Amino acid sequence: MRTGSFVLSLITLVASYAMPAAAQTPVRINWTAVTGAQSGMFMAKQEGLFKKNGLDVELIHIPSSSRGIQAILAGEIAFSFMDGSNAAQATLKGANIVLVAGATNRQVFSLMAKPEIKKITELRGKKIGITRVGSSTHTSALYALGSAGLKPADVQLLPLLEVPNIFTALAAGQIEAGMVSPPTNARAKKAGFVELMNIAKEGPEFVSVAVGTSRAYIKANEDVVRRVVRSYAEGIQIFKTNKPAALKMFQNQLKVKEAEILEDTYNQFREYLEYPPYVTRKAMEAVLNDIAASEPAAKSAKPEDFMDMRFVAELDKKAGGK
């Protein structure tokens, strides 16, 4: 990726848009999961980037893409992290949700299992933990199962609401396997569980985590959206280039203390967090192909119907990108 010139120009650009505290605009942003995939917002809050861009941001936690989307439509929040599938399905049903920045265009999840299970095919008839039906963990689980010739009916998928709950259930012997993201996959490895598949490495390009809002909000608050995306982009830049600051964020936000787990989580997300933070067309095409069976309208839809990358593109252009 073109990070060098983008980084230097973005820092200058952020400084030029800094606003006095009195002019700060309140904005509520939802984070959905205990994962490093949402590090850009956490870093922006920790490093004071929102304030530099004239924003008074409140980060709240609603642990679900679909519930985050509902809160946007109700006017309770302005932005939420969300997966591509939920965003696309909501828009196809008339919600007019749009993605304005990308986090991961890969499904950064590991299918972890009890040590006696060596292959995905051995999960037939077993219980597998996910967060919610329709979530990124669900989509990733279906991909992993399908790669081994298993169908959803061949296993029991158990919604456990939060990724850490999946590890807790795995450790307690309540499930045989679970789909988890960093830092939870590192904790599972340390506890002796085996990684049957790393979806980020072995799976397709796919919009797993992105930042979304409504088109109505953009129309009414275009400059706020611009400043949020700018803050988020610089947050990712600091994450990738300032490891001590990133590890501090993991300790405070994700409650990770163990040095080896901090290191593993950082290395995984340093590789997979998008910078510049585009949602790629290929990744959105994969989402539409995936949901087409249940959402026939997806077959004729275009990736651009669900993405508004102009705010990222503005930063990229000012930084000397294409």
Protein backbone atom coordinates (compact mmCIF):
# COMPACT_ATOMS: atom_id res chain seq x y z
CA MET A 1 0.00 0.00 0.00
CA ARG A 2 1.05 3.62 -0.49
CA THR A 3 1.61 4.54 3.15
CA GLY A 4 4.65 6.86 3.06
CA SER A 5 3.39 10.00 1.34
CA PHE A 6 -0.14 9.35 2.57
CA VAL A 7 1.09 9.38 6.19
CA LEU A 8 3.10 12.60 5.96
CA SER A 9 0.46 14.54 4.06
CA LEU A 10 -2.33 13.27 6.30
CA ILE A 11 -0.56 14.51 9.44
CA THR A 12 -0.19 17.98 7.87
CA LEU A 13 -3.78 17.89 6.68
CA VAL A 14 -5.11 16.97 10.13
CA ALA A 15 -3.22 19.86 11.72
CA SER A 16 -4.61 22.30 9.17
CA TYR A 17 -8.18 21.29 10.01
CA ALA A 18 -7.78 21.45 13.78
CA MET A 19 -10.50 23.47 15.46
CA PRO A 20 -10.77 25.12 18.87
CA ALA A 21 -12.52 23.16 21.60
CA ALA A 22 -15.45 25.59 21.62
CA ALA A 23 -16.33 24.61 18.05
CA GLN A 24 -16.30 20.87 18.63
CA THR A 25 -19.26 18.94 17.25
CA PRO A 26 -20.67 16.05 19.33
CA VAL A 27 -20.72 12.70 17.51
CA ARG A 28 -21.66 9.24 18.78
CA ILE A 29 -19.82 6.29 17.24
CA ASN A 30 -20.52 2.64 18.01
CA TRP A 31 -17.92 -0.08 18.31
CA THR A 32 -19.33 -3.58 18.05
CA ALA A 33 -16.77 -6.13 19.18
CA VAL A 34 -13.73 -6.74 21.38
CA THR A 35 -11.30 -6.92 18.48
CA GLY A 36 -8.32 -5.07 17.07
CA ALA A 37 -10.26 -4.63 13.81
CA GLN A 38 -11.75 -1.46 15.30
CA SER A 39 -8.40 -0.02 16.36
CA GLY A 40 -8.66 3.06 14.14
CA MET A 41 -11.42 4.61 16.24
CA PHE A 42 -9.83 3.55 19.52
CA MET A 43 -6.53 5.14 18.50
CA ALA A 44 -8.25 8.32 17.32
CA LYS A 45 -9.86 8.66 20.76
CA GLN A 46 -6.69 7.81 22.68
CA GLU A 47 -4.46 10.15 20.69
CA GLY A 48 -6.86 13.11 20.72
CA LEU A 49 -7.39 13.08 16.95
CA PHE A 50 -11.13 13.69 17.12
CA LYS A 51 -10.55 16.84 19.16
CA LYS A 52 -7.90 18.01 16.68
CA ASN A 53 -10.56 17.72 14.00
CA GLY A 54 -13.20 19.65 15.93
CA LEU A 55 -15.17 16.64 17.12
CA ASP A 56 -16.38 15.67 20.57
CA VAL A 57 -16.74 11.92 20.04
CA GLU A 58 -18.46 9.51 22.39
CA LEU A 59 -17.58 5.88 21.71
CA ILE A 60 -20.37 3.55 22.80
CA HIS A 61 -20.64 -0.24 22.65
CA ILE A 62 -23.58 -1.99 21.03
CA PRO A 63 -22.32 -5.55 20.33
CA SER A 64 -24.02 -6.16 16.98
CA SER A 65 -23.85 -4.77 13.45
CA SER A 66 -27.60 -5.09 12.99
CA ARG A 67 -28.35 -3.32 16.27
CA GLY A 68 -25.81 -0.62 15.41
CA ILE A 69 -27.59 -0.06 12.09
CA GLN A 70 -30.93 0.17 13.89
CA ALA A 71 -29.46 2.78 16.23
CA ILE A 72 -28.23 4.82 13.25
CA LEU A 73 -31.68 4.71 11.64
CA ALA A 74 -33.26 5.76 14.96
CA GLY A 75 -30.93 8.76 15.14
CA GLU A 76 -29.34 7.51 18.37
CA ILE A 77 -25.83 7.32 16.91
CA ALA A 78 -24.13 8.70 13.81
CA PHE A 79 -21.71 5.91 12.87
CA SER A 80 -21.16 2.27 13.65
CA PHE A 81 -18.71 -0.43 12.77
CA MET A 82 -20.52 -3.06 10.74
CA ASP A 83 -19.88 -6.00 8.50
CA GLY A 84 -20.56 -5.78 4.78
CA SER A 85 -23.33 -8.36 4.79
CA ASN A 86 -25.51 -6.60 7.37
CA ALA A 87 -24.90 -3.22 5.71
CA ALA A 88 -25.85 -4.54 2.27
CA GLN A 89 -28.91 -6.40 3.49
CA ALA A 90 -30.16 -3.33 5.37
CA THR A 91 -29.75 -1.15 2.28
CA LEU A 92 -31.46 -3.69 0.03
CA LYS A 93 -34.41 -3.49 2.44
CA GLY A 94 -34.51 0.30 2.10
CA ALA A 95 -32.36 1.47 5.02
CA ASN A 96 -29.89 3.30 2.75
CA ILE A 97 -26.89 2.48 4.90
CA VAL A 98 -23.51 3.20 3.29
CA LEU A 99 -19.91 2.32 4.16
CA VAL A 100 -17.59 5.36 4.35
CA ALA A 101 -14.32 3.72 5.46
CA GLY A 102 -12.88 0.24 5.55
CA ALA A 103 -11.31 -1.61 8.47
CA THR A 104 -10.63 -5.12 7.18
CA ASN A 105 -11.33 -6.47 3.71
CA ARG A 106 -10.42 -9.88 5.07
CA GLN A 107 -12.27 -11.96 7.64
CA VAL A 108 -9.74 -11.81 10.47
CA PHE A 109 -11.00 -14.84 12.35
CA SER A 110 -9.64 -18.22 13.36
CA LEU A 111 -11.69 -21.40 13.70
CA MET A 112 -10.35 -22.74 17.01
CA ALA A 113 -11.15 -26.23 18.29
CA LYS A 114 -10.47 -28.66 21.09
CA PRO A 115 -7.01 -30.23 20.70
CA GLU A 116 -8.36 -33.69 19.86
CA ILE A 117 -10.07 -32.28 16.74
CA LYS A 118 -7.55 -32.18 13.90
CA LYS A 119 -9.70 -31.44 10.81
CA ILE A 120 -12.78 -29.37 10.05
CA THR A 121 -14.60 -32.50 8.85
CA GLU A 122 -14.39 -33.83 12.43
CA LEU A 123 -16.77 -31.05 13.50
CA ARG A 124 -19.75 -32.88 12.01
CA GLY A 125 -22.43 -33.08 14.70
CA LYS A 126 -20.44 -30.78 17.01
CA LYS A 127 -21.28 -27.40 18.60
CA ILE A 128 -19.54 -24.32 17.16
CA GLY A 129 -19.67 -20.92 18.80
CA ILE A 130 -20.41 -17.72 16.86
CA THR A 131 -21.54 -14.30 18.07
CA ARG A 132 -24.84 -13.97 16.21
CA VAL A 133 -26.56 -15.39 13.17
CA GLY A 134 -25.73 -13.09 10.26
CA SER A 135 -22.56 -11.74 11.89
CA SER A 136 -19.01 -11.85 10.52
CA THR A 137 -18.30 -14.83 12.78
CA HIS A 138 -21.29 -16.62 11.25
CA THR A 139 -20.19 -15.85 7.69
CA SER A 140 -16.64 -16.97 8.47
CA ALA A 141 -17.89 -20.18 10.08
CA LEU A 142 -19.99 -21.01 7.04
CA TYR A 143 -16.98 -20.43 4.79
CA ALA A 144 -14.75 -22.69 6.86
CA LEU A 145 -17.39 -25.44 7.02
CA GLY A 146 -18.10 -25.18 3.31
CA SER A 147 -14.41 -25.49 2.48
CA ALA A 148 -14.51 -28.93 4.10
CA GLY A 149 -17.78 -29.96 2.46
CA LEU A 150 -19.92 -29.43 5.55
CA LYS A 151 -23.31 -27.73 5.50
CA PRO A 152 -24.86 -25.64 8.31
CA ALA A 153 -27.20 -28.54 9.12
CA ASP A 154 -24.17 -30.78 9.76
CA VAL A 155 -23.22 -28.82 12.91
CA GLN A 156 -24.87 -26.87 15.70
CA LEU A 157 -24.05 -23.15 15.51
CA LEU A 158 -24.51 -21.50 18.90
CA PRO A 159 -24.88 -17.67 19.12
CA LEU A 160 -22.91 -16.49 22.17
CA LEU A 161 -23.17 -12.69 21.63
CA GLU A 162 -19.51 -11.68 22.18
CA VAL A 163 -16.23 -13.16 20.92
CA PRO A 164 -14.73 -13.56 24.45
CA ASN A 165 -17.82 -15.60 25.38
CA ILE A 166 -16.92 -18.08 22.64
CA PHE A 167 -13.52 -18.70 24.21
CA THR A 168 -15.10 -19.03 27.65
CA ALA A 169 -17.52 -21.65 26.33
CA LEU A 170 -14.68 -23.46 24.54
CA ALA A 171 -12.56 -23.53 27.69
CA ALA A 172 -15.53 -24.80 29.72
CA GLY A 173 -16.15 -27.65 27.27
CA GLN A 174 -19.59 -26.33 26.32
CA ILE A 175 -18.67 -26.19 22.63
CA GLU A 176 -16.16 -28.12 20.53
CA ALA A 177 -15.04 -25.19 18.36
CA GLY A 178 -15.57 -21.48 17.87
CA MET A 179 -14.89 -18.61 15.49
CA VAL A 180 -12.76 -15.98 17.23
CA SER A 181 -10.74 -12.89 16.31
CA PRO A 182 -7.54 -11.44 17.78
CA PRO A 183 -6.79 -11.17 20.68
CA THR A 184 -9.11 -14.08 21.54
CA ASN A 185 -7.55 -16.46 19.02
CA ALA A 186 -4.14 -15.87 20.63
CA ARG A 187 -5.63 -16.63 24.05
CA ALA A 188 -7.13 -19.83 22.67
CA LYS A 189 -3.80 -20.92 21.19
CA LYS A 190 -2.05 -20.22 24.47
CA ALA A 191 -4.65 -22.37 26.25
CA GLY A 192 -3.87 -25.32 23.98
CA PHE A 193 -6.69 -25.14 21.44
CA VAL A 194 -5.87 -25.74 17.77
CA GLU A 195 -6.42 -23.46 14.80
CA LEU A 196 -8.29 -25.41 12.14
CA MET A 197 -8.40 -22.48 9.73
CA ASN A 198 -7.18 -18.90 9.59
CA ILE A 199 -9.87 -17.25 7.48
CA ALA A 200 -7.83 -14.09 6.88
CA LYS A 201 -5.08 -16.14 5.22
CA GLU A 202 -7.12 -18.91 3.63
CA GLY A 203 -10.42 -17.17 2.92
CA PRO A 204 -11.54 -14.67 0.25
CA GLU A 205 -11.36 -10.89 0.11
CA PHE A 206 -14.59 -9.91 1.88
CA VAL A 207 -15.88 -6.82 3.72
CA SER A 208 -15.64 -8.08 7.28
CA VAL A 209 -15.45 -4.80 9.22
CA ALA A 210 -16.13 -1.26 7.99
CA VAL A 211 -17.43 2.07 9.23
CA GLY A 212 -20.94 2.93 8.13
CA THR A 213 -23.60 5.59 8.45
CA SER A 214 -26.77 6.57 6.58
CA ARG A 215 -26.89 8.52 3.34
CA ALA A 216 -29.30 10.90 5.05
CA TYR A 217 -26.69 11.65 7.72
CA ILE A 218 -24.03 12.29 5.08
CA LYS A 219 -26.32 14.67 3.22
CA ALA A 220 -27.01 16.67 6.37
CA ASN A 221 -23.52 16.45 7.92
CA GLU A 222 -21.00 16.03 5.11
CA ASP A 223 -18.22 17.93 6.85
CA VAL A 224 -18.66 15.91 10.06
CA VAL A 225 -18.32 12.70 8.05
CA ARG A 226 -15.18 14.10 6.44
CA ARG A 227 -13.66 14.85 9.85
CA VAL A 228 -14.59 11.47 11.31
CA VAL A 229 -13.01 9.65 8.37
CA ARG A 230 -9.91 11.85 8.62
CA SER A 231 -9.57 11.12 12.35
CA TYR A 232 -10.10 7.41 11.77
CA ALA A 233 -7.50 7.31 8.98
CA GLU A 234 -4.86 8.97 11.11
CA GLY A 235 -5.75 6.63 13.95
CA ILE A 236 -4.86 3.69 11.72
CA GLN A 237 -1.69 5.46 10.63
CA ILE A 238 -0.57 5.84 14.25
CA PHE A 239 -1.53 2.23 14.95
CA LYS A 240 0.68 0.98 12.14
CA THR A 241 3.66 3.26 12.84
CA ASN A 242 3.63 3.69 16.62
CA LYS A 243 3.63 0.24 18.20
CA PRO A 244 3.90 1.44 21.84
CA ALA A 245 0.77 3.59 21.39
CA ALA A 246 -1.05 0.67 19.78
CA LEU A 247 -0.12 -1.71 22.60
CA LYS A 248 -1.26 0.87 25.15
CA MET A 249 -4.63 1.00 23.37
CA PHE A 250 -4.92 -2.81 23.41
CA GLN A 251 -4.22 -2.83 27.14
CA ASN A 252 -6.82 -0.16 27.88
CA GLN A 253 -9.53 -0.93 25.32
CA LEU A 254 -9.24 -4.69 24.78
CA LYS A 255 -8.01 -5.44 28.33
CA VAL A 256 -5.02 -7.43 27.06
CA LYS A 257 -2.11 -7.62 29.49
CA GLU A 258 -0.03 -10.64 28.39
CA ALA A 259 3.00 -9.59 26.34
CA GLU A 260 2.81 -12.46 23.85
CA ILE A 261 -0.89 -11.91 23.20
CA LEU A 262 -0.34 -8.18 22.75
CA GLU A 263 2.41 -8.93 20.23
CA ASP A 264 0.34 -11.47 18.30
CA THR A 265 -2.72 -9.23 18.16
CA TYR A 266 -0.68 -6.27 16.97
CA ASN A 267 1.07 -8.25 14.24
CA GLN A 268 -2.19 -9.66 12.89
CA PHE A 269 -3.96 -6.34 12.66
CA ARG A 270 -0.95 -4.38 11.47
CA GLU A 271 -1.11 -6.66 8.44
CA TYR A 272 -4.85 -6.66 7.83
CA LEU A 273 -6.09 -3.18 8.78
CA GLU A 274 -6.65 -1.24 5.55
CA TYR A 275 -4.58 1.88 5.02
CA PRO A 276 -5.60 4.07 3.26
CA PRO A 277 -8.90 2.77 4.66
CA TYR A 278 -10.77 1.84 1.50
CA VAL A 279 -13.53 -0.73 1.26
CA THR A 280 -12.48 -2.55 -1.91
CA ARG A 281 -14.85 -3.20 -4.77
CA LYS A 282 -13.75 -6.84 -4.92
CA ALA A 283 -14.53 -7.34 -1.24
CA MET A 284 -18.02 -5.86 -1.64
CA GLU A 285 -18.65 -7.99 -4.73
CA ALA A 286 -17.88 -11.03 -2.60
CA VAL A 287 -20.46 -9.87 -0.03
CA LEU A 288 -23.14 -9.45 -2.69
CA ASN A 289 -22.39 -12.87 -4.15
CA ASP A 290 -22.63 -14.39 -0.68
CA ILE A 291 -26.03 -12.90 0.20
CA ALA A 292 -27.59 -13.31 -3.27
CA ALA A 293 -29.23 -16.63 -2.34
CA SER A 294 -31.25 -15.02 0.45
CA GLU A 295 -31.44 -11.53 -1.08
CA PRO A 296 -32.26 -11.85 -4.81
CA ALA A 297 -31.91 -8.07 -5.28
CA ALA A 298 -28.19 -8.45 -4.56
CA LYS A 299 -27.74 -10.15 -7.94
CA SER A 300 -28.38 -6.90 -9.81
CA ALA A 301 -26.82 -4.57 -7.25
CA LYS A 302 -23.46 -2.86 -7.71
CA PRO A 303 -20.76 -2.50 -5.02
CA GLU A 304 -21.00 1.29 -5.38
CA ASP A 305 -24.60 1.14 -4.13
CA PHE A 306 -23.23 0.34 -0.68
CA MET A 307 -19.97 2.32 -0.53
CA ASP A 308 -19.09 6.01 -0.48
CA MET A 309 -15.30 6.15 -0.63
CA ARG A 310 -15.02 9.82 -1.62
CA PHE A 311 -13.89 10.91 1.86
CA VAL A 312 -11.04 8.39 1.88
CA ALA A 313 -10.28 9.28 -1.74
CA GLU A 314 -10.02 12.98 -0.82
CA LEU A 315 -7.38 12.17 1.77
CA ASP A 316 -5.58 9.88 -0.65
CA LYS A 317 -5.59 12.54 -3.37
CA LYS A 318 -4.29 15.25 -1.04
CA ALA A 319 -1.58 12.84 0.09
CA GLY A 320 -0.43 12.27 -3.48
CA GLY A 321 -2.29 9.03 -4.14
CA LYS A 322 -4.28 8.33 -7.23
